[in-house]
Amino acid sequence: HKIKGHFLVDIGLSVLYGDKALAEIGHFILEQGHELHAHLHAEWLVRRWNMNDSIYSGPAGHNQLNRELNHRFLQFAAFKYAQLFGLAPTCFRAGGYHFNEHTVDAAHAAGFRIISNFNNDRHQGYWEVSEEGLNNDPFKWKNGLIEIPVDYSPEPLSDPWEKYEAHF
């Protein structure tokens, strides 16, 4: 259909499989004319870097990370994205849509201009957002970072294609 896609690659894959594998995936997506943005499952870094994850309840998402670790992880994501793809990072999404106020601040500090973590159905009651956010429309966080809410994310991501197509 000649539609350009918006893809997020998990930067943490570089610590699991190496830079070469991640770079090949990302460059293939870019060469097809699609957008490529940064995604990071924090638990990959916690496990691979042998951090004490016994303090975390289940896989350590960004929502469980303190200010310092969120900043370090987002700096890593921005650095690795620029290193592998030769582009300044623009958009970030945390793994599992798990994020906290430190993630929002860390993404801004790392140079991201956009994040895409919030969904009112998932996060209702956890966040105070503008009227736009309540409707899953784009809004700005207090630090000026733009949030493009995730308006459709079926669980699990294994339904037949026809179900997704019908939704859209």
Protein backbone atom coordinates (compact mmCIF):
# COMPACT_ATOMS: atom_id res chain seq x y z
CA HIS A 1 0.00 0.00 0.00
CA LYS A 2 3.11 2.25 -0.03
CA ILE A 3 2.43 3.36 3.54
CA LYS A 4 5.44 4.56 5.51
CA GLY A 5 5.70 2.88 8.88
CA HIS A 6 6.77 4.12 12.27
CA PHE A 7 9.10 1.53 13.82
CA LEU A 8 10.71 1.35 17.23
CA VAL A 9 13.76 -0.87 17.75
CA ASP A 10 14.76 -2.07 21.19
CA ILE A 11 18.17 -0.52 21.79
CA GLY A 12 18.74 -3.09 24.54
CA LEU A 13 19.15 -5.71 21.83
CA SER A 14 22.65 -4.35 21.28
CA VAL A 15 23.73 -5.67 24.69
CA LEU A 16 22.18 -9.05 23.94
CA TYR A 17 23.11 -9.63 20.30
CA GLY A 18 25.68 -6.95 19.53
CA ASP A 19 25.68 -3.69 17.64
CA LYS A 20 26.00 -5.31 14.21
CA ALA A 21 22.69 -7.19 14.43
CA LEU A 22 20.77 -4.16 15.67
CA ALA A 23 22.37 -1.88 13.09
CA GLU A 24 21.39 -4.25 10.29
CA ILE A 25 17.77 -4.31 11.42
CA GLY A 26 17.59 -0.53 11.78
CA HIS A 27 19.34 0.25 8.50
CA PHE A 28 17.02 -2.13 6.65
CA ILE A 29 13.99 -0.26 8.05
CA LEU A 30 15.50 3.12 7.16
CA GLU A 31 16.45 1.98 3.65
CA GLN A 32 12.80 1.09 3.04
CA GLY A 33 11.90 4.73 3.76
CA HIS A 34 10.31 4.15 7.15
CA GLU A 35 10.80 6.06 10.40
CA LEU A 36 12.99 4.47 13.06
CA HIS A 37 12.84 5.39 16.72
CA ALA A 38 14.27 4.18 20.03
CA HIS A 39 12.60 1.67 22.31
CA LEU A 40 14.15 0.20 25.43
CA HIS A 41 13.18 -2.65 27.72
CA ALA A 42 15.04 -1.67 30.87
CA GLU A 43 15.14 -5.26 32.09
CA TRP A 44 17.66 -6.18 29.36
CA LEU A 45 20.18 -3.70 30.74
CA VAL A 46 19.48 -4.64 34.37
CA ARG A 47 20.10 -8.32 33.61
CA ARG A 48 22.99 -7.96 31.19
CA TRP A 49 24.86 -5.44 33.32
CA ASN A 50 24.42 -7.68 36.37
CA MET A 51 22.56 -5.08 38.40
CA ASN A 52 20.89 -6.38 41.52
CA ASP A 53 17.39 -6.94 40.20
CA SER A 54 16.20 -8.59 43.41
CA ILE A 55 14.91 -5.18 44.46
CA TYR A 56 12.50 -5.16 41.52
CA SER A 57 9.13 -6.78 41.37
CA GLY A 58 9.29 -8.82 38.16
CA PRO A 59 11.15 -7.48 35.11
CA ALA A 60 12.56 -4.05 35.89
CA GLY A 61 10.61 -1.59 33.78
CA HIS A 62 11.38 2.13 33.62
CA ASN A 63 8.52 2.67 36.05
CA GLN A 64 10.58 0.89 38.71
CA LEU A 65 13.83 2.76 38.01
CA ASN A 66 14.88 5.73 40.08
CA ARG A 67 15.93 9.08 38.67
CA GLU A 68 19.59 8.16 38.23
CA LEU A 69 18.99 4.86 36.42
CA ASN A 70 16.34 6.35 34.15
CA HIS A 71 18.80 9.08 33.16
CA ARG A 72 21.62 6.61 32.57
CA PHE A 73 19.44 4.24 30.55
CA LEU A 74 17.97 7.02 28.38
CA GLN A 75 21.45 8.49 27.80
CA PHE A 76 22.55 5.01 26.71
CA ALA A 77 19.55 4.71 24.36
CA ALA A 78 20.18 8.12 22.79
CA PHE A 79 23.93 7.49 22.42
CA LYS A 80 23.53 4.00 20.96
CA TYR A 81 20.78 5.16 18.56
CA ALA A 82 23.00 7.98 17.24
CA GLN A 83 26.04 5.70 17.06
CA LEU A 84 24.30 2.93 15.14
CA PHE A 85 22.09 4.96 12.81
CA GLY A 86 23.90 8.28 12.45
CA LEU A 87 20.76 10.17 13.44
CA ALA A 88 19.79 12.30 16.39
CA PRO A 89 17.13 10.48 18.39
CA THR A 90 13.63 11.92 18.16
CA CYS A 91 11.11 9.57 19.76
CA PHE A 92 11.33 7.11 22.67
CA ARG A 93 9.06 4.41 24.06
CA ALA A 94 9.76 2.45 27.21
CA GLY A 95 9.24 -1.30 27.22
CA GLY A 96 5.75 -2.44 28.15
CA TYR A 97 4.63 1.21 28.33
CA HIS A 98 6.13 1.18 31.85
CA PHE A 99 7.39 4.64 32.72
CA ASN A 100 7.42 7.17 35.54
CA GLU A 101 8.14 10.87 36.01
CA HIS A 102 11.87 10.14 35.94
CA THR A 103 11.51 8.53 32.50
CA VAL A 104 9.79 11.65 31.15
CA ASP A 105 12.55 13.89 32.56
CA ALA A 106 15.33 11.56 31.41
CA ALA A 107 13.99 11.38 27.85
CA HIS A 108 13.93 15.18 27.67
CA ALA A 109 17.45 15.45 29.12
CA ALA A 110 18.76 12.84 26.63
CA GLY A 111 17.55 14.93 23.70
CA PHE A 112 14.39 13.11 22.74
CA ARG A 113 11.62 15.48 21.63
CA ILE A 114 8.78 12.98 21.66
CA ILE A 115 7.78 10.01 23.80
CA SER A 116 5.00 7.55 23.14
CA ASN A 117 4.22 5.71 26.36
CA PHE A 118 0.91 7.00 27.65
CA ASN A 119 -2.52 5.50 27.09
CA ASN A 120 -5.41 6.81 29.16
CA ASP A 121 -7.03 3.38 29.44
CA ARG A 122 -3.79 1.88 30.83
CA HIS A 123 -2.63 4.80 32.93
CA GLN A 124 -5.86 6.39 34.15
CA GLY A 125 -5.46 7.40 37.76
CA TYR A 126 -1.64 7.32 37.67
CA TRP A 127 -1.06 10.55 35.78
CA GLU A 128 -2.49 14.03 35.68
CA VAL A 129 -2.64 14.98 32.03
CA SER A 130 -4.31 17.66 29.96
CA GLU A 131 -7.71 17.23 28.34
CA GLU A 132 -5.97 16.04 25.17
CA GLY A 133 -4.28 13.22 27.05
CA LEU A 134 -7.57 12.04 28.47
CA ASN A 135 -8.71 11.53 24.88
CA ASN A 136 -5.38 9.94 23.86
CA ASP A 137 -4.54 12.95 21.70
CA PRO A 138 -0.98 14.36 21.67
CA PHE A 139 -0.08 16.65 24.58
CA LYS A 140 2.98 18.17 26.26
CA TRP A 141 4.45 17.14 29.58
CA LYS A 142 5.45 19.89 32.05
CA ASN A 143 9.03 19.83 30.73
CA GLY A 144 7.84 20.47 27.15
CA LEU A 145 8.34 16.92 25.90
CA ILE A 146 5.61 15.92 23.44
CA GLU A 147 3.63 12.77 24.23
CA ILE A 148 1.97 10.92 21.36
CA PRO A 149 -0.29 8.54 23.26
CA VAL A 150 -0.69 4.96 22.16
CA ASP A 151 -4.32 4.77 21.16
CA TYR A 152 -4.42 1.12 20.11
CA SER A 153 -2.30 -1.66 21.52
CA PRO A 154 -4.14 -4.96 21.62
CA GLU A 155 -3.14 -7.58 24.14
CA PRO A 156 -1.75 -9.99 23.27
CA LEU A 157 -0.24 -8.94 19.97
CA SER A 158 -1.18 -12.20 18.34
CA ASP A 159 -4.70 -11.66 17.02
CA PRO A 160 -5.45 -12.50 13.38
CA TRP A 161 -4.60 -9.72 10.93
CA GLU A 162 -8.28 -9.34 10.00
CA LYS A 163 -9.07 -8.19 13.55
CA TYR A 164 -6.43 -5.43 13.37
CA GLU A 165 -7.51 -4.44 9.88
CA ALA A 166 -11.14 -4.21 10.95
CA HIS A 167 -10.20 -1.98 13.87
CA PHE A 168 -8.41 0.48 11.61
